[in-house]
Amino acid sequence: MKFEVVAEATRFFKKNGYDVIDVDGARIVFADGWGLVRASNTQPVLVLRYEAETAERLEEIRKLVEGTIESIKHK
């Protein structure tokens, strides 16, 4: 399931015009930061990481990525 969630997230972000690096997960690139979604190879978890130029932007990226993941998981 975790790998399918990452694959679906990759498709979603690419389809919606985001720049996505899809090596070992999905790194969604923004002009002022990025969000990463990847499936752990050793645990039954998704790994999420974020970076942004400001705390406010970090929160926006986090909400976008986590909201997308939640939507995918509840399909």
PDB file of N, CA and C in Angstrom:
ATOM      1  N   MET A   1       0.816  -1.201   0.000  1.00  0.00           N
ATOM      2  CA  MET A   1       0.000   0.000   0.000  1.00  0.00           C
ATOM      3  C   MET A   1       0.860   1.266   0.000  1.00  0.00           C
ATOM      4  N   LYS A   2       1.941   1.276   0.794  1.00  0.00           N
ATOM      5  CA  LYS A   2       2.753   2.489   0.904  1.00  0.00           C
ATOM      6  C   LYS A   2       3.364   2.884  -0.436  1.00  0.00           C
ATOM      7  N   PHE A   3       3.790   1.911  -1.234  1.00  0.00           N
ATOM      8  CA  PHE A   3       4.385   2.234  -2.535  1.00  0.00           C
ATOM      9  C   PHE A   3       3.322   2.754  -3.502  1.00  0.00           C
ATOM     10  N   GLU A   4       2.108   2.237  -3.385  1.00  0.00           N
ATOM     11  CA  GLU A   4       1.015   2.709  -4.230  1.00  0.00           C
ATOM     12  C   GLU A   4       0.644   4.157  -3.883  1.00  0.00           C
ATOM     13  N   VAL A   5       0.690   4.499  -2.609  1.00  0.00           N
ATOM     14  CA  VAL A   5       0.396   5.874  -2.197  1.00  0.00           C
ATOM     15  C   VAL A   5       1.421   6.832  -2.787  1.00  0.00           C
ATOM     16  N   VAL A   6       2.691   6.455  -2.733  1.00  0.00           N
ATOM     17  CA  VAL A   6       3.746   7.309  -3.304  1.00  0.00           C
ATOM     18  C   VAL A   6       3.556   7.447  -4.812  1.00  0.00           C
ATOM     19  N   ALA A   7       3.245   6.354  -5.488  1.00  0.00           N
ATOM     20  CA  ALA A   7       3.026   6.393  -6.937  1.00  0.00           C
ATOM     21  C   ALA A   7       1.847   7.293  -7.284  1.00  0.00           C
ATOM     22  N   GLU A   8       0.772   7.183  -6.535  1.00  0.00           N
ATOM     23  CA  GLU A   8      -0.403   8.022  -6.784  1.00  0.00           C
ATOM     24  C   GLU A   8      -0.096   9.491  -6.499  1.00  0.00           C
ATOM     25  N   ALA A   9       0.658   9.775  -5.446  1.00  0.00           N
ATOM     26  CA  ALA A   9       1.047  11.155  -5.138  1.00  0.00           C
ATOM     27  C   ALA A   9       1.901  11.724  -6.263  1.00  0.00           C
ATOM     28  N   THR A  10       2.809  10.920  -6.779  1.00  0.00           N
ATOM     29  CA  THR A  10       3.647  11.354  -7.906  1.00  0.00           C
ATOM     30  C   THR A  10       2.783  11.718  -9.096  1.00  0.00           C
ATOM     31  N   ARG A  11       1.838  10.853  -9.430  1.00  0.00           N
ATOM     32  CA  ARG A  11       0.932  11.129 -10.558  1.00  0.00           C
ATOM     33  C   ARG A  11       0.122  12.397 -10.309  1.00  0.00           C
ATOM     34  N   PHE A  12      -0.404  12.546  -9.103  1.00  0.00           N
ATOM     35  CA  PHE A  12      -1.223  13.714  -8.778  1.00  0.00           C
ATOM     36  C   PHE A  12      -0.442  15.005  -8.959  1.00  0.00           C
ATOM     37  N   PHE A  13       0.736  15.082  -8.374  1.00  0.00           N
ATOM     38  CA  PHE A  13       1.501  16.329  -8.440  1.00  0.00           C
ATOM     39  C   PHE A  13       1.980  16.625  -9.858  1.00  0.00           C
ATOM     40  N   LYS A  14       2.403  15.608 -10.593  1.00  0.00           N
ATOM     41  CA  LYS A  14       2.813  15.824 -11.985  1.00  0.00           C
ATOM     42  C   LYS A  14       1.633  16.305 -12.825  1.00  0.00           C
ATOM     43  N   LYS A  15       0.483  15.650 -12.648  1.00  0.00           N
ATOM     44  CA  LYS A  15      -0.718  16.001 -13.414  1.00  0.00           C
ATOM     45  C   LYS A  15      -1.154  17.435 -13.143  1.00  0.00           C
ATOM     46  N   ASN A  16      -0.887  17.918 -11.947  1.00  0.00           N
ATOM     47  CA  ASN A  16      -1.300  19.265 -11.569  1.00  0.00           C
ATOM     48  C   ASN A  16      -0.208  20.305 -11.753  1.00  0.00           C
ATOM     49  N   GLY A  17       0.804  19.978 -12.559  1.00  0.00           N
ATOM     50  CA  GLY A  17       1.785  20.955 -12.987  1.00  0.00           C
ATOM     51  C   GLY A  17       2.958  21.201 -12.054  1.00  0.00           C
ATOM     52  N   TYR A  18       3.115  20.380 -11.043  1.00  0.00           N
ATOM     53  CA  TYR A  18       4.249  20.545 -10.131  1.00  0.00           C
ATOM     54  C   TYR A  18       5.480  19.858 -10.717  1.00  0.00           C
ATOM     55  N   ASP A  19       6.646  20.399 -10.414  1.00  0.00           N
ATOM     56  CA  ASP A  19       7.909  19.780 -10.787  1.00  0.00           C
ATOM     57  C   ASP A  19       8.193  18.682  -9.769  1.00  0.00           C
ATOM     58  N   VAL A  20       8.264  17.433 -10.223  1.00  0.00           N
ATOM     59  CA  VAL A  20       8.435  16.295  -9.324  1.00  0.00           C
ATOM     60  C   VAL A  20       9.663  15.496  -9.744  1.00  0.00           C
ATOM     61  N   ILE A  21      10.548  15.270  -8.806  1.00  0.00           N
ATOM     62  CA  ILE A  21      11.671  14.360  -9.008  1.00  0.00           C
ATOM     63  C   ILE A  21      11.227  13.025  -8.411  1.00  0.00           C
ATOM     64  N   ASP A  22      11.143  11.997  -9.257  1.00  0.00           N
ATOM     65  CA  ASP A  22      10.551  10.739  -8.806  1.00  0.00           C
ATOM     66  C   ASP A  22      11.557   9.606  -8.630  1.00  0.00           C
ATOM     67  N   VAL A  23      12.747   9.941  -8.183  1.00  0.00           N
ATOM     68  CA  VAL A  23      13.747   8.932  -7.856  1.00  0.00           C
ATOM     69  C   VAL A  23      13.581   8.579  -6.379  1.00  0.00           C
ATOM     70  N   ASP A  24      13.254   7.333  -6.081  1.00  0.00           N
ATOM     71  CA  ASP A  24      13.090   6.859  -4.705  1.00  0.00           C
ATOM     72  C   ASP A  24      12.043   7.666  -3.941  1.00  0.00           C
ATOM     73  N   GLY A  25      10.903   7.865  -4.563  1.00  0.00           N
ATOM     74  CA  GLY A  25       9.827   8.622  -3.927  1.00  0.00           C
ATOM     75  C   GLY A  25       9.399   9.764  -4.816  1.00  0.00           C
ATOM     76  N   ALA A  26       8.817  10.773  -4.196  1.00  0.00           N
ATOM     77  CA  ALA A  26       8.382  11.958  -4.925  1.00  0.00           C
ATOM     78  C   ALA A  26       8.868  13.195  -4.185  1.00  0.00           C
ATOM     79  N   ARG A  27       9.756  13.935  -4.819  1.00  0.00           N
ATOM     80  CA  ARG A  27      10.204  15.214  -4.269  1.00  0.00           C
ATOM     81  C   ARG A  27       9.528  16.298  -5.097  1.00  0.00           C
ATOM     82  N   ILE A  28       8.597  17.016  -4.464  1.00  0.00           N
ATOM     83  CA  ILE A  28       7.841  18.061  -5.127  1.00  0.00           C
ATOM     84  C   ILE A  28       8.610  19.364  -4.923  1.00  0.00           C
ATOM     85  N   VAL A  29       9.040  19.964  -6.029  1.00  0.00           N
ATOM     86  CA  VAL A  29       9.919  21.127  -5.973  1.00  0.00           C
ATOM     87  C   VAL A  29       9.106  22.405  -6.170  1.00  0.00           C
ATOM     88  N   PHE A  30       9.304  23.350  -5.267  1.00  0.00           N
ATOM     89  CA  PHE A  30       8.689  24.664  -5.348  1.00  0.00           C
ATOM     90  C   PHE A  30       9.818  25.688  -5.491  1.00  0.00           C
ATOM     91  N   ALA A  31       9.511  26.892  -5.905  1.00  0.00           N
ATOM     92  CA  ALA A  31      10.536  27.933  -6.047  1.00  0.00           C
ATOM     93  C   ALA A  31      11.200  28.249  -4.709  1.00  0.00           C
ATOM     94  N   ASP A  32      10.469  28.045  -3.633  1.00  0.00           N
ATOM     95  CA  ASP A  32      10.970  28.429  -2.313  1.00  0.00           C
ATOM     96  C   ASP A  32      11.002  27.279  -1.311  1.00  0.00           C
ATOM     97  N   GLY A  33      11.090  26.050  -1.834  1.00  0.00           N
ATOM     98  CA  GLY A  33      11.155  24.906  -0.928  1.00  0.00           C
ATOM     99  C   GLY A  33      10.827  23.606  -1.640  1.00  0.00           C
ATOM    100  N   TRP A  34      10.607  22.554  -0.847  1.00  0.00           N
ATOM    101  CA  TRP A  34      10.254  21.259  -1.412  1.00  0.00           C
ATOM    102  C   TRP A  34       9.560  20.402  -0.361  1.00  0.00           C
ATOM    103  N   GLY A  35       8.863  19.390  -0.867  1.00  0.00           N
ATOM    104  CA  GLY A  35       8.250  18.381  -0.011  1.00  0.00           C
ATOM    105  C   GLY A  35       8.633  17.012  -0.551  1.00  0.00           C
ATOM    106  N   LEU A  36       8.864  16.070   0.330  1.00  0.00           N
ATOM    107  CA  LEU A  36       9.278  14.722  -0.062  1.00  0.00           C
ATOM    108  C   LEU A  36       8.327  13.694   0.519  1.00  0.00           C
ATOM    109  N   VAL A  37       7.922  12.761  -0.324  1.00  0.00           N
ATOM    110  CA  VAL A  37       7.120  11.617   0.100  1.00  0.00           C
ATOM    111  C   VAL A  37       7.832  10.374  -0.405  1.00  0.00           C
ATOM    112  N   ARG A  38       8.166   9.471   0.503  1.00  0.00           N
ATOM    113  CA  ARG A  38       8.780   8.222   0.075  1.00  0.00           C
ATOM    114  C   ARG A  38       8.360   7.106   1.014  1.00  0.00           C
ATOM    115  N   ALA A  39       8.351   5.905   0.474  1.00  0.00           N
ATOM    116  CA  ALA A  39       8.024   4.729   1.272  1.00  0.00           C
ATOM    117  C   ALA A  39       9.316   4.202   1.882  1.00  0.00           C
ATOM    118  N   SER A  40       9.295   3.947   3.180  1.00  0.00           N
ATOM    119  CA  SER A  40      10.447   3.356   3.849  1.00  0.00           C
ATOM    120  C   SER A  40      10.654   1.942   3.327  1.00  0.00           C
ATOM    121  N   ASN A  41      11.905   1.581   3.095  1.00  0.00           N
ATOM    122  CA  ASN A  41      12.213   0.216   2.659  1.00  0.00           C
ATOM    123  C   ASN A  41      12.331  -0.751   3.827  1.00  0.00           C
ATOM    124  N   THR A  42      12.411  -0.225   5.047  1.00  0.00           N
ATOM    125  CA  THR A  42      12.636  -1.082   6.209  1.00  0.00           C
ATOM    126  C   THR A  42      11.493  -1.093   7.212  1.00  0.00           C
ATOM    127  N   GLN A  43      10.547  -0.176   7.060  1.00  0.00           N
ATOM    128  CA  GLN A  43       9.418  -0.086   7.988  1.00  0.00           C
ATOM    129  C   GLN A  43       8.127   0.133   7.208  1.00  0.00           C
ATOM    130  N   PRO A  44       6.999  -0.199   7.793  1.00  0.00           N
ATOM    131  CA  PRO A  44       5.715   0.005   7.111  1.00  0.00           C
ATOM    132  C   PRO A  44       5.216   1.445   7.273  1.00  0.00           C
ATOM    133  N   VAL A  45       6.020   2.414   6.812  1.00  0.00           N
ATOM    134  CA  VAL A  45       5.672   3.830   6.985  1.00  0.00           C
ATOM    135  C   VAL A  45       6.002   4.623   5.731  1.00  0.00           C
ATOM    136  N   LEU A  46       5.337   5.774   5.617  1.00  0.00           N
ATOM    137  CA  LEU A  46       5.710   6.782   4.635  1.00  0.00           C
ATOM    138  C   LEU A  46       6.603   7.798   5.335  1.00  0.00           C
ATOM    139  N   VAL A  47       7.639   8.219   4.657  1.00  0.00           N
ATOM    140  CA  VAL A  47       8.546   9.233   5.186  1.00  0.00           C
ATOM    141  C   VAL A  47       8.212  10.548   4.491  1.00  0.00           C
ATOM    142  N   LEU A  48       7.963  11.582   5.285  1.00  0.00           N
ATOM    143  CA  LEU A  48       7.641  12.907   4.749  1.00  0.00           C
ATOM    144  C   LEU A  48       8.669  13.896   5.284  1.00  0.00           C
ATOM    145  N   ARG A  49       9.205  14.722   4.388  1.00  0.00           N
ATOM    146  CA  ARG A  49      10.166  15.754   4.769  1.00  0.00           C
ATOM    147  C   ARG A  49       9.815  17.029   4.027  1.00  0.00           C
ATOM    148  N   TYR A  50      10.172  18.160   4.636  1.00  0.00           N
ATOM    149  CA  TYR A  50       9.857  19.457   4.043  1.00  0.00           C
ATOM    150  C   TYR A  50      10.991  20.430   4.287  1.00  0.00           C
ATOM    151  N   GLU A  51      11.121  21.368   3.367  1.00  0.00           N
ATOM    152  CA  GLU A  51      12.052  22.472   3.553  1.00  0.00           C
ATOM    153  C   GLU A  51      11.472  23.678   2.832  1.00  0.00           C
ATOM    154  N   ALA A  52      11.622  24.859   3.437  1.00  0.00           N
ATOM    155  CA  ALA A  52      11.125  26.091   2.820  1.00  0.00           C
ATOM    156  C   ALA A  52      11.922  27.276   3.353  1.00  0.00           C
ATOM    157  N   GLU A  53      11.788  28.396   2.667  1.00  0.00           N
ATOM    158  CA  GLU A  53      12.527  29.595   3.050  1.00  0.00           C
ATOM    159  C   GLU A  53      11.955  30.281   4.279  1.00  0.00           C
ATOM    160  N   THR A  54      10.668  30.078   4.553  1.00  0.00           N
ATOM    161  CA  THR A  54      10.057  30.682   5.741  1.00  0.00           C
ATOM    162  C   THR A  54       9.217  29.638   6.465  1.00  0.00           C
ATOM    163  N   ALA A  55       8.951  29.890   7.721  1.00  0.00           N
ATOM    164  CA  ALA A  55       8.112  28.980   8.506  1.00  0.00           C
ATOM    165  C   ALA A  55       6.695  28.925   7.937  1.00  0.00           C
ATOM    166  N   GLU A  56       6.193  30.057   7.467  1.00  0.00           N
ATOM    167  CA  GLU A  56       4.844  30.098   6.906  1.00  0.00           C
ATOM    168  C   GLU A  56       4.751  29.244   5.648  1.00  0.00           C
ATOM    169  N   ARG A  57       5.758  29.363   4.781  1.00  0.00           N
ATOM    170  CA  ARG A  57       5.757  28.583   3.548  1.00  0.00           C
ATOM    171  C   ARG A  57       5.937  27.097   3.850  1.00  0.00           C
ATOM    172  N   LEU A  58       6.743  26.778   4.835  1.00  0.00           N
ATOM    173  CA  LEU A  58       6.922  25.384   5.248  1.00  0.00           C
ATOM    174  C   LEU A  58       5.576  24.775   5.635  1.00  0.00           C
ATOM    175  N   GLU A  59       4.793  25.511   6.381  1.00  0.00           N
ATOM    176  CA  GLU A  59       3.478  25.034   6.802  1.00  0.00           C
ATOM    177  C   GLU A  59       2.550  24.850   5.598  1.00  0.00           C
ATOM    178  N   GLU A  60       2.602  25.758   4.622  1.00  0.00           N
ATOM    179  CA  GLU A  60       1.775  25.630   3.418  1.00  0.00           C
ATOM    180  C   GLU A  60       2.145  24.370   2.631  1.00  0.00           C
ATOM    181  N   ILE A  61       3.444  24.139   2.457  1.00  0.00           N
ATOM    182  CA  ILE A  61       3.900  22.953   1.729  1.00  0.00           C
ATOM    183  C   ILE A  61       3.498  21.691   2.483  1.00  0.00           C
ATOM    184  N   ARG A  62       3.692  21.694   3.794  1.00  0.00           N
ATOM    185  CA  ARG A  62       3.333  20.536   4.611  1.00  0.00           C
ATOM    186  C   ARG A  62       1.850  20.218   4.483  1.00  0.00           C
ATOM    187  N   LYS A  63       1.007  21.241   4.573  1.00  0.00           N
ATOM    188  CA  LYS A  63      -0.443  21.027   4.461  1.00  0.00           C
ATOM    189  C   LYS A  63      -0.827  20.494   3.081  1.00  0.00           C
ATOM    190  N   LEU A  64      -0.211  21.016   2.039  1.00  0.00           N
ATOM    191  CA  LEU A  64      -0.512  20.557   0.687  1.00  0.00           C
ATOM    192  C   LEU A  64      -0.147  19.081   0.523  1.00  0.00           C
ATOM    193  N   VAL A  65       1.056  18.722   0.914  1.00  0.00           N
ATOM    194  CA  VAL A  65       1.516  17.342   0.745  1.00  0.00           C
ATOM    195  C   VAL A  65       0.722  16.386   1.633  1.00  0.00           C
ATOM    196  N   GLU A  66       0.586  16.710   2.900  1.00  0.00           N
ATOM    197  CA  GLU A  66      -0.137  15.813   3.812  1.00  0.00           C
ATOM    198  C   GLU A  66      -1.613  15.715   3.449  1.00  0.00           C
ATOM    199  N   GLY A  67      -2.213  16.808   3.018  1.00  0.00           N
ATOM    200  CA  GLY A  67      -3.603  16.763   2.586  1.00  0.00           C
ATOM    201  C   GLY A  67      -3.785  15.867   1.376  1.00  0.00           C
ATOM    202  N   THR A  68      -2.845  15.948   0.447  1.00  0.00           N
ATOM    203  CA  THR A  68      -2.893  15.091  -0.739  1.00  0.00           C
ATOM    204  C   THR A  68      -2.752  13.625  -0.355  1.00  0.00           C
ATOM    205  N   ILE A  69      -1.810  13.318   0.533  1.00  0.00           N
ATOM    206  CA  ILE A  69      -1.611  11.941   0.976  1.00  0.00           C
ATOM    207  C   ILE A  69      -2.871  11.416   1.668  1.00  0.00           C
ATOM    208  N   GLU A  70      -3.466  12.212   2.518  1.00  0.00           N
ATOM    209  CA  GLU A  70      -4.699  11.778   3.210  1.00  0.00           C
ATOM    210  C   GLU A  70      -5.811  11.501   2.209  1.00  0.00           C
ATOM    211  N   SER A  71      -5.946  12.352   1.185  1.00  0.00           N
ATOM    212  CA  SER A  71      -6.977  12.143   0.158  1.00  0.00           C
ATOM    213  C   SER A  71      -6.740  10.833  -0.582  1.00  0.00           C
ATOM    214  N   ILE A  72      -5.501  10.553  -0.898  1.00  0.00           N
ATOM    215  CA  ILE A  72      -5.162   9.312  -1.604  1.00  0.00           C
ATOM    216  C   ILE A  72      -5.457   8.108  -0.727  1.00  0.00           C
ATOM    217  N   LYS A  73      -5.106   8.164   0.536  1.00  0.00           N
ATOM    218  CA  LYS A  73      -5.311   7.028   1.431  1.00  0.00           C
ATOM    219  C   LYS A  73      -6.787   6.716   1.649  1.00  0.00           C
ATOM    220  N   HIS A  74      -7.657   7.708   1.495  1.00  0.00           N
ATOM    221  CA  HIS A  74      -9.073   7.502   1.764  1.00  0.00           C
ATOM    222  C   HIS A  74      -9.906   7.300   0.503  1.00  0.00           C
ATOM    223  N   LYS A  75      -9.267   7.001  -0.604  1.00  0.00           N
ATOM    224  CA  LYS A  75     -10.009   6.713  -1.842  1.00  0.00           C
ATOM    225  C   LYS A  75     -10.635   5.341  -1.762  1.00  0.00           C
TER     226      LYS A  75
END
